[in-house]
All heavy atoms as atom14 arrays in JSON, in Angstrom:
{
  "sequence": "WKLRKAVAADLRTVYTAATVEEAEIRLAEFDAKWGADY",
  "atom14_mask": [
    [1, 1, 1, 1, 1, 1, 1, 1, 1, 1, 1, 1, 1, 1],
    [1, 1, 1, 1, 1, 1, 1, 1, 1, 0, 0, 0, 0, 0],
    [1, 1, 1, 1, 1, 1, 1, 1, 0, 0, 0, 0, 0, 0],
    [1, 1, 1, 1, 1, 1, 1, 1, 1, 1, 1, 0, 0, 0],
    [1, 1, 1, 1, 1, 1, 1, 1, 1, 0, 0, 0, 0, 0],
    [1, 1, 1, 1, 1, 0, 0, 0, 0, 0, 0, 0, 0, 0],
    [1, 1, 1, 1, 1, 1, 1, 0, 0, 0, 0, 0, 0, 0],
    [1, 1, 1, 1, 1, 0, 0, 0, 0, 0, 0, 0, 0, 0],
    [1, 1, 1, 1, 1, 0, 0, 0, 0, 0, 0, 0, 0, 0],
    [1, 1, 1, 1, 1, 1, 1, 1, 0, 0, 0, 0, 0, 0],
    [1, 1, 1, 1, 1, 1, 1, 1, 0, 0, 0, 0, 0, 0],
    [1, 1, 1, 1, 1, 1, 1, 1, 1, 1, 1, 0, 0, 0],
    [1, 1, 1, 1, 1, 1, 1, 0, 0, 0, 0, 0, 0, 0],
    [1, 1, 1, 1, 1, 1, 1, 0, 0, 0, 0, 0, 0, 0],
    [1, 1, 1, 1, 1, 1, 1, 1, 1, 1, 1, 1, 0, 0],
    [1, 1, 1, 1, 1, 1, 1, 0, 0, 0, 0, 0, 0, 0],
    [1, 1, 1, 1, 1, 0, 0, 0, 0, 0, 0, 0, 0, 0],
    [1, 1, 1, 1, 1, 0, 0, 0, 0, 0, 0, 0, 0, 0],
    [1, 1, 1, 1, 1, 1, 1, 0, 0, 0, 0, 0, 0, 0],
    [1, 1, 1, 1, 1, 1, 1, 0, 0, 0, 0, 0, 0, 0],
    [1, 1, 1, 1, 1, 1, 1, 1, 1, 0, 0, 0, 0, 0],
    [1, 1, 1, 1, 1, 1, 1, 1, 1, 0, 0, 0, 0, 0],
    [1, 1, 1, 1, 1, 0, 0, 0, 0, 0, 0, 0, 0, 0],
    [1, 1, 1, 1, 1, 1, 1, 1, 1, 0, 0, 0, 0, 0],
    [1, 1, 1, 1, 1, 1, 1, 1, 0, 0, 0, 0, 0, 0],
    [1, 1, 1, 1, 1, 1, 1, 1, 1, 1, 1, 0, 0, 0],
    [1, 1, 1, 1, 1, 1, 1, 1, 0, 0, 0, 0, 0, 0],
    [1, 1, 1, 1, 1, 0, 0, 0, 0, 0, 0, 0, 0, 0],
    [1, 1, 1, 1, 1, 1, 1, 1, 1, 0, 0, 0, 0, 0],
    [1, 1, 1, 1, 1, 1, 1, 1, 1, 1, 1, 0, 0, 0],
    [1, 1, 1, 1, 1, 1, 1, 1, 0, 0, 0, 0, 0, 0],
    [1, 1, 1, 1, 1, 0, 0, 0, 0, 0, 0, 0, 0, 0],
    [1, 1, 1, 1, 1, 1, 1, 1, 1, 0, 0, 0, 0, 0],
    [1, 1, 1, 1, 1, 1, 1, 1, 1, 1, 1, 1, 1, 1],
    [1, 1, 1, 1, 0, 0, 0, 0, 0, 0, 0, 0, 0, 0],
    [1, 1, 1, 1, 1, 0, 0, 0, 0, 0, 0, 0, 0, 0],
    [1, 1, 1, 1, 1, 1, 1, 1, 0, 0, 0, 0, 0, 0],
    [1, 1, 1, 1, 1, 1, 1, 1, 1, 1, 1, 1, 0, 0]
  ],
  "atom14_positions": [
    [[2.15, -9.32, 14.76], [2.25, -7.99, 15.36], [3.32, -7.14, 14.69], [3.17, -5.93, 14.54], [2.54, -8.12, 16.86], [1.34, -8.49, 17.67], [1.04, -9.71, 18.19], [0.26, -7.63, 18.03], [-0.17, -9.67, 18.85], [-0.67, -8.39, 18.77], [-0.02, -6.28, 17.8], [-1.84, -7.87, 19.28], [-1.2, -5.75, 18.32], [-2.09, -6.53, 19.04]],
    [[4.39, -7.78, 14.28], [5.51, -7.06, 13.69], [5.13, -6.36, 12.4], [5.65, -5.27, 12.09], [6.64, -8.05, 13.43], [7.93, -7.43, 12.94], [9.02, -8.48, 12.78], [10.31, -7.86, 12.28], [11.38, -8.89, 12.1], [0.0, 0.0, 0.0], [0.0, 0.0, 0.0], [0.0, 0.0, 0.0], [0.0, 0.0, 0.0], [0.0, 0.0, 0.0]],
    [[4.2, -6.95, 11.62], [3.85, -6.39, 10.31], [2.5, -5.7, 10.27], [2.09, -5.19, 9.24], [3.88, -7.51, 9.26], [5.25, -8.14, 8.98], [5.12, -9.33, 8.04], [6.21, -7.1, 8.4], [0.0, 0.0, 0.0], [0.0, 0.0, 0.0], [0.0, 0.0, 0.0], [0.0, 0.0, 0.0], [0.0, 0.0, 0.0], [0.0, 0.0, 0.0]],
    [[1.79, -5.68, 11.37], [0.43, -5.12, 11.38], [0.4, -3.66, 10.94], [-0.49, -3.24, 10.21], [-0.2, -5.27, 12.76], [-0.76, -6.64, 13.0], [-1.66, -6.67, 14.21], [-2.32, -7.97, 14.33], [-3.32, -8.23, 15.15], [-3.78, -7.27, 15.94], [-3.86, -9.42, 15.2], [0.0, 0.0, 0.0], [0.0, 0.0, 0.0], [0.0, 0.0, 0.0]],
    [[1.34, -2.89, 11.42], [1.35, -1.46, 11.09], [1.51, -1.25, 9.59], [0.8, -0.42, 8.98], [2.47, -0.76, 11.85], [2.43, 0.75, 11.75], [3.48, 1.38, 12.67], [3.4, 2.89, 12.62], [4.43, 3.52, 13.52], [0.0, 0.0, 0.0], [0.0, 0.0, 0.0], [0.0, 0.0, 0.0], [0.0, 0.0, 0.0], [0.0, 0.0, 0.0]],
    [[2.37, -2.01, 8.96], [2.61, -1.87, 7.52], [1.4, -2.33, 6.71], [0.99, -1.66, 5.75], [3.85, -2.67, 7.12], [0.0, 0.0, 0.0], [0.0, 0.0, 0.0], [0.0, 0.0, 0.0], [0.0, 0.0, 0.0], [0.0, 0.0, 0.0], [0.0, 0.0, 0.0], [0.0, 0.0, 0.0], [0.0, 0.0, 0.0], [0.0, 0.0, 0.0]],
    [[0.81, -3.46, 7.1], [-0.37, -3.97, 6.38], [-1.54, -3.01, 6.55], [-2.27, -2.71, 5.59], [-0.74, -5.38, 6.9], [-2.07, -5.83, 6.3], [0.36, -6.37, 6.54], [0.0, 0.0, 0.0], [0.0, 0.0, 0.0], [0.0, 0.0, 0.0], [0.0, 0.0, 0.0], [0.0, 0.0, 0.0], [0.0, 0.0, 0.0], [0.0, 0.0, 0.0]],
    [[-1.75, -2.5, 7.77], [-2.84, -1.55, 8.02], [-2.67, -0.29, 7.19], [-3.65, 0.26, 6.66], [-2.89, -1.21, 9.51], [0.0, 0.0, 0.0], [0.0, 0.0, 0.0], [0.0, 0.0, 0.0], [0.0, 0.0, 0.0], [0.0, 0.0, 0.0], [0.0, 0.0, 0.0], [0.0, 0.0, 0.0], [0.0, 0.0, 0.0], [0.0, 0.0, 0.0]],
    [[-1.44, 0.18, 7.05], [-1.18, 1.39, 6.25], [-1.53, 1.17, 4.79], [-2.1, 2.05, 4.13], [0.29, 1.8, 6.4], [0.0, 0.0, 0.0], [0.0, 0.0, 0.0], [0.0, 0.0, 0.0], [0.0, 0.0, 0.0], [0.0, 0.0, 0.0], [0.0, 0.0, 0.0], [0.0, 0.0, 0.0], [0.0, 0.0, 0.0], [0.0, 0.0, 0.0]],
    [[-1.21, -0.02, 4.24], [-1.52, -0.3, 2.84], [-3.02, -0.52, 2.63], [-3.57, -0.15, 1.58], [-0.73, -1.53, 2.37], [0.75, -1.21, 2.17], [1.08, -0.01, 2.08], [1.57, -2.15, 2.12], [0.0, 0.0, 0.0], [0.0, 0.0, 0.0], [0.0, 0.0, 0.0], [0.0, 0.0, 0.0], [0.0, 0.0, 0.0], [0.0, 0.0, 0.0]],
    [[-3.7, -1.1, 3.61], [-5.16, -1.24, 3.51], [-5.83, 0.14, 3.53], [-6.85, 0.35, 2.87], [-5.7, -2.09, 4.67], [-5.56, -3.6, 4.55], [-6.02, -4.28, 5.83], [-6.36, -4.13, 3.36], [0.0, 0.0, 0.0], [0.0, 0.0, 0.0], [0.0, 0.0, 0.0], [0.0, 0.0, 0.0], [0.0, 0.0, 0.0], [0.0, 0.0, 0.0]],
    [[-5.23, 1.04, 4.28], [-5.8, 2.39, 4.38], [-5.83, 3.09, 3.02], [-6.74, 3.86, 2.74], [-4.98, 3.22, 5.38], [-5.65, 4.53, 5.78], [-4.87, 5.24, 6.88], [-5.61, 6.38, 7.39], [-5.66, 7.56, 6.8], [-4.95, 7.77, 5.68], [-6.38, 8.55, 7.31], [0.0, 0.0, 0.0], [0.0, 0.0, 0.0], [0.0, 0.0, 0.0]],
    [[-4.87, 2.78, 2.17], [-4.87, 3.4, 0.83], [-6.07, 2.93, 0.0], [-6.49, 3.62, -0.91], [-3.57, 3.06, 0.07], [-3.52, 1.64, -0.19], [-2.35, 3.47, 0.86], [0.0, 0.0, 0.0], [0.0, 0.0, 0.0], [0.0, 0.0, 0.0], [0.0, 0.0, 0.0], [0.0, 0.0, 0.0], [0.0, 0.0, 0.0], [0.0, 0.0, 0.0]],
    [[-6.61, 1.75, 0.36], [-7.77, 1.22, -0.37], [-9.04, 1.98, 0.03], [-9.74, 2.55, -0.81], [-7.96, -0.29, -0.1], [-9.2, -0.81, -0.82], [-6.72, -1.07, -0.53], [0.0, 0.0, 0.0], [0.0, 0.0, 0.0], [0.0, 0.0, 0.0], [0.0, 0.0, 0.0], [0.0, 0.0, 0.0], [0.0, 0.0, 0.0], [0.0, 0.0, 0.0]],
    [[-9.33, 2.02, 1.34], [-10.61, 2.61, 1.76], [-10.58, 4.14, 1.84], [-11.62, 4.76, 2.02], [-11.12, 1.99, 3.07], [-10.24, 2.16, 4.28], [-10.24, 3.35, 5.02], [-9.45, 1.11, 4.75], [-9.46, 3.5, 6.14], [-8.66, 1.25, 5.87], [-8.67, 2.45, 6.57], [-7.9, 2.59, 7.7], [0.0, 0.0, 0.0], [0.0, 0.0, 0.0]],
    [[-9.4, 4.74, 1.69], [-9.36, 6.22, 1.63], [-9.22, 6.73, 0.2], [-9.07, 7.93, -0.01], [-8.18, 6.76, 2.47], [-6.96, 6.22, 1.98], [-8.36, 6.43, 3.93], [0.0, 0.0, 0.0], [0.0, 0.0, 0.0], [0.0, 0.0, 0.0], [0.0, 0.0, 0.0], [0.0, 0.0, 0.0], [0.0, 0.0, 0.0], [0.0, 0.0, 0.0]],
    [[-9.29, 5.83, -0.78], [-9.2, 6.24, -2.19], [-10.37, 7.17, -2.53], [-11.46, 7.05, -1.98], [-9.23, 5.01, -3.09], [0.0, 0.0, 0.0], [0.0, 0.0, 0.0], [0.0, 0.0, 0.0], [0.0, 0.0, 0.0], [0.0, 0.0, 0.0], [0.0, 0.0, 0.0], [0.0, 0.0, 0.0], [0.0, 0.0, 0.0], [0.0, 0.0, 0.0]],
    [[-10.14, 8.07, -3.46], [-11.16, 9.07, -3.82], [-12.32, 8.46, -4.59], [-13.46, 8.92, -4.47], [-10.52, 10.19, -4.63], [0.0, 0.0, 0.0], [0.0, 0.0, 0.0], [0.0, 0.0, 0.0], [0.0, 0.0, 0.0], [0.0, 0.0, 0.0], [0.0, 0.0, 0.0], [0.0, 0.0, 0.0], [0.0, 0.0, 0.0], [0.0, 0.0, 0.0]],
    [[-12.06, 7.43, -5.39], [-13.1, 6.83, -6.22], [-13.01, 5.31, -6.15], [-12.01, 4.75, -5.67], [-12.94, 7.26, -7.69], [-11.68, 6.75, -8.17], [-12.99, 8.77, -7.83], [0.0, 0.0, 0.0], [0.0, 0.0, 0.0], [0.0, 0.0, 0.0], [0.0, 0.0, 0.0], [0.0, 0.0, 0.0], [0.0, 0.0, 0.0], [0.0, 0.0, 0.0]],
    [[-14.05, 4.64, -6.64], [-14.06, 3.18, -6.7], [-12.91, 2.69, -7.58], [-12.22, 1.72, -7.24], [-15.4, 2.65, -7.25], [-15.35, 1.14, -7.43], [-16.54, 3.03, -6.32], [0.0, 0.0, 0.0], [0.0, 0.0, 0.0], [0.0, 0.0, 0.0], [0.0, 0.0, 0.0], [0.0, 0.0, 0.0], [0.0, 0.0, 0.0], [0.0, 0.0, 0.0]],
    [[-12.71, 3.38, -8.71], [-11.66, 2.98, -9.65], [-10.28, 3.03, -8.98], [-9.46, 2.11, -9.13], [-11.67, 3.87, -10.89], [-12.91, 3.69, -11.78], [-14.16, 4.31, -11.19], [-14.03, 5.21, -10.31], [-15.27, 3.9, -11.6], [0.0, 0.0, 0.0], [0.0, 0.0, 0.0], [0.0, 0.0, 0.0], [0.0, 0.0, 0.0], [0.0, 0.0, 0.0]],
    [[-10.03, 4.1, -8.24], [-8.75, 4.21, -7.55], [-8.63, 3.14, -6.47], [-7.55, 2.56, -6.27], [-8.6, 5.6, -6.92], [-7.25, 5.8, -6.23], [-7.16, 7.1, -5.45], [-8.01, 8.0, -5.66], [-6.24, 7.2, -4.61], [0.0, 0.0, 0.0], [0.0, 0.0, 0.0], [0.0, 0.0, 0.0], [0.0, 0.0, 0.0], [0.0, 0.0, 0.0]],
    [[-9.73, 2.86, -5.78], [-9.71, 1.84, -4.73], [-9.37, 0.47, -5.3], [-8.63, -0.3, -4.68], [-11.07, 1.79, -4.03], [0.0, 0.0, 0.0], [0.0, 0.0, 0.0], [0.0, 0.0, 0.0], [0.0, 0.0, 0.0], [0.0, 0.0, 0.0], [0.0, 0.0, 0.0], [0.0, 0.0, 0.0], [0.0, 0.0, 0.0], [0.0, 0.0, 0.0]],
    [[-9.9, 0.17, -6.49], [-9.6, -1.12, -7.14], [-8.12, -1.22, -7.51], [-7.51, -2.29, -7.4], [-10.49, -1.29, -8.37], [-11.96, -1.54, -8.01], [-12.86, -1.55, -9.22], [-12.43, -1.04, -10.29], [-14.01, -2.05, -9.11], [0.0, 0.0, 0.0], [0.0, 0.0, 0.0], [0.0, 0.0, 0.0], [0.0, 0.0, 0.0], [0.0, 0.0, 0.0]],
    [[-7.54, -0.1, -7.94], [-6.1, -0.08, -8.25], [-5.29, -0.33, -6.99], [-4.33, -1.12, -6.98], [-5.71, 1.27, -8.89], [-6.37, 1.41, -10.27], [-4.19, 1.39, -9.0], [-6.2, 2.79, -10.89], [0.0, 0.0, 0.0], [0.0, 0.0, 0.0], [0.0, 0.0, 0.0], [0.0, 0.0, 0.0], [0.0, 0.0, 0.0], [0.0, 0.0, 0.0]],
    [[-5.68, 0.35, -5.89], [-4.95, 0.19, -4.62], [-5.08, -1.25, -4.08], [-4.14, -1.79, -3.51], [-5.48, 1.18, -3.57], [-5.3, 2.64, -3.96], [-3.83, 3.05, -3.96], [-3.65, 4.37, -4.54], [-3.21, 4.62, -5.76], [-2.86, 3.6, -6.56], [-3.08, 5.84, -6.21], [0.0, 0.0, 0.0], [0.0, 0.0, 0.0], [0.0, 0.0, 0.0]],
    [[-6.26, -1.87, -4.27], [-6.45, -3.25, -3.83], [-5.57, -4.19, -4.65], [-4.99, -5.15, -4.1], [-7.92, -3.65, -3.94], [-8.27, -5.06, -3.42], [-7.91, -5.19, -1.95], [-9.77, -5.35, -3.63], [0.0, 0.0, 0.0], [0.0, 0.0, 0.0], [0.0, 0.0, 0.0], [0.0, 0.0, 0.0], [0.0, 0.0, 0.0], [0.0, 0.0, 0.0]],
    [[-5.44, -3.92, -5.94], [-4.57, -4.73, -6.8], [-3.12, -4.59, -6.35], [-2.35, -5.58, -6.33], [-4.72, -4.31, -8.26], [0.0, 0.0, 0.0], [0.0, 0.0, 0.0], [0.0, 0.0, 0.0], [0.0, 0.0, 0.0], [0.0, 0.0, 0.0], [0.0, 0.0, 0.0], [0.0, 0.0, 0.0], [0.0, 0.0, 0.0], [0.0, 0.0, 0.0]],
    [[-2.71, -3.37, -5.98], [-1.35, -3.15, -5.49], [-1.13, -3.88, -4.16], [-0.06, -4.45, -3.93], [-1.1, -1.65, -5.3], [-1.06, -0.89, -6.63], [-0.98, 0.62, -6.42], [-1.15, 1.09, -5.27], [-0.75, 1.35, -7.41], [0.0, 0.0, 0.0], [0.0, 0.0, 0.0], [0.0, 0.0, 0.0], [0.0, 0.0, 0.0], [0.0, 0.0, 0.0]],
    [[-2.15, -3.88, -3.31], [-2.06, -4.6, -2.04], [-1.89, -6.09, -2.29], [-1.09, -6.76, -1.64], [-3.32, -4.34, -1.19], [-3.3, -5.01, 0.16], [-2.81, -4.35, 1.27], [-3.77, -6.32, 0.32], [-2.77, -4.96, 2.52], [-3.74, -6.94, 1.56], [-3.24, -6.25, 2.66], [0.0, 0.0, 0.0], [0.0, 0.0, 0.0], [0.0, 0.0, 0.0]],
    [[-2.67, -6.6, -3.27], [-2.6, -8.02, -3.63], [-1.19, -8.39, -4.1], [-0.63, -9.41, -3.72], [-3.64, -8.32, -4.71], [-3.78, -9.82, -4.98], [-3.09, -10.62, -4.32], [-4.59, -10.18, -5.85], [0.0, 0.0, 0.0], [0.0, 0.0, 0.0], [0.0, 0.0, 0.0], [0.0, 0.0, 0.0], [0.0, 0.0, 0.0], [0.0, 0.0, 0.0]],
    [[-0.62, -7.53, -4.95], [0.71, -7.8, -5.48], [1.77, -7.82, -4.38], [2.73, -8.6, -4.44], [1.06, -6.74, -6.52], [0.0, 0.0, 0.0], [0.0, 0.0, 0.0], [0.0, 0.0, 0.0], [0.0, 0.0, 0.0], [0.0, 0.0, 0.0], [0.0, 0.0, 0.0], [0.0, 0.0, 0.0], [0.0, 0.0, 0.0], [0.0, 0.0, 0.0]],
    [[1.59, -6.98, -3.37], [2.58, -6.86, -2.3], [2.38, -7.9, -1.2], [3.36, -8.49, -0.71], [2.52, -5.45, -1.7], [3.55, -5.2, -0.61], [3.48, -3.74, -0.15], [4.5, -3.45, 0.95], [4.45, -2.03, 1.4], [0.0, 0.0, 0.0], [0.0, 0.0, 0.0], [0.0, 0.0, 0.0], [0.0, 0.0, 0.0], [0.0, 0.0, 0.0]],
    [[1.13, -8.16, -0.8], [0.86, -8.99, 0.36], [0.07, -10.27, 0.04], [-0.06, -11.14, 0.92], [0.07, -8.2, 1.41], [0.74, -6.98, 1.93], [0.47, -5.69, 1.59], [1.79, -6.92, 2.89], [1.27, -4.82, 2.28], [2.11, -5.56, 3.09], [2.51, -7.88, 3.6], [3.1, -5.13, 3.96], [3.5, -7.46, 4.49], [3.79, -6.11, 4.66]],
    [[-0.45, -10.37, -1.17], [-1.34, -11.48, -1.5], [-0.75, -12.86, -1.28], [-1.44, -13.78, -0.83], [0.0, 0.0, 0.0], [0.0, 0.0, 0.0], [0.0, 0.0, 0.0], [0.0, 0.0, 0.0], [0.0, 0.0, 0.0], [0.0, 0.0, 0.0], [0.0, 0.0, 0.0], [0.0, 0.0, 0.0], [0.0, 0.0, 0.0], [0.0, 0.0, 0.0]],
    [[0.52, -13.03, -1.59], [1.15, -14.33, -1.44], [1.25, -14.74, 0.03], [1.07, -15.92, 0.37], [2.55, -14.31, -2.07], [0.0, 0.0, 0.0], [0.0, 0.0, 0.0], [0.0, 0.0, 0.0], [0.0, 0.0, 0.0], [0.0, 0.0, 0.0], [0.0, 0.0, 0.0], [0.0, 0.0, 0.0], [0.0, 0.0, 0.0], [0.0, 0.0, 0.0]],
    [[1.52, -13.77, 0.9], [1.65, -14.07, 2.33], [0.3, -14.13, 3.05], [0.13, -14.9, 3.99], [2.53, -13.0, 3.01], [3.97, -13.04, 2.52], [4.46, -14.15, 2.23], [4.57, -11.97, 2.41], [0.0, 0.0, 0.0], [0.0, 0.0, 0.0], [0.0, 0.0, 0.0], [0.0, 0.0, 0.0], [0.0, 0.0, 0.0], [0.0, 0.0, 0.0]],
    [[-0.63, -13.29, 2.59], [-1.93, -13.21, 3.26], [-3.07, -13.3, 2.25], [-3.82, -12.34, 2.04], [-2.03, -11.9, 4.06], [-0.91, -11.7, 5.05], [0.05, -10.7, 4.85], [-0.8, -12.51, 6.17], [1.08, -10.52, 5.75], [0.23, -12.34, 7.08], [1.18, -11.35, 6.87], [2.19, -11.18, 7.77], [0.0, 0.0, 0.0], [0.0, 0.0, 0.0]]
  ]
}
């Protein structure tokens, strides 16, 4: 619960990206930040 807001905000950058290419970049950034923990 403590981290849900932060994780949800970073996921939002993926599905609100303007293009598929941008979404893939945002997903890679999410992976780099949260991938080890989740």
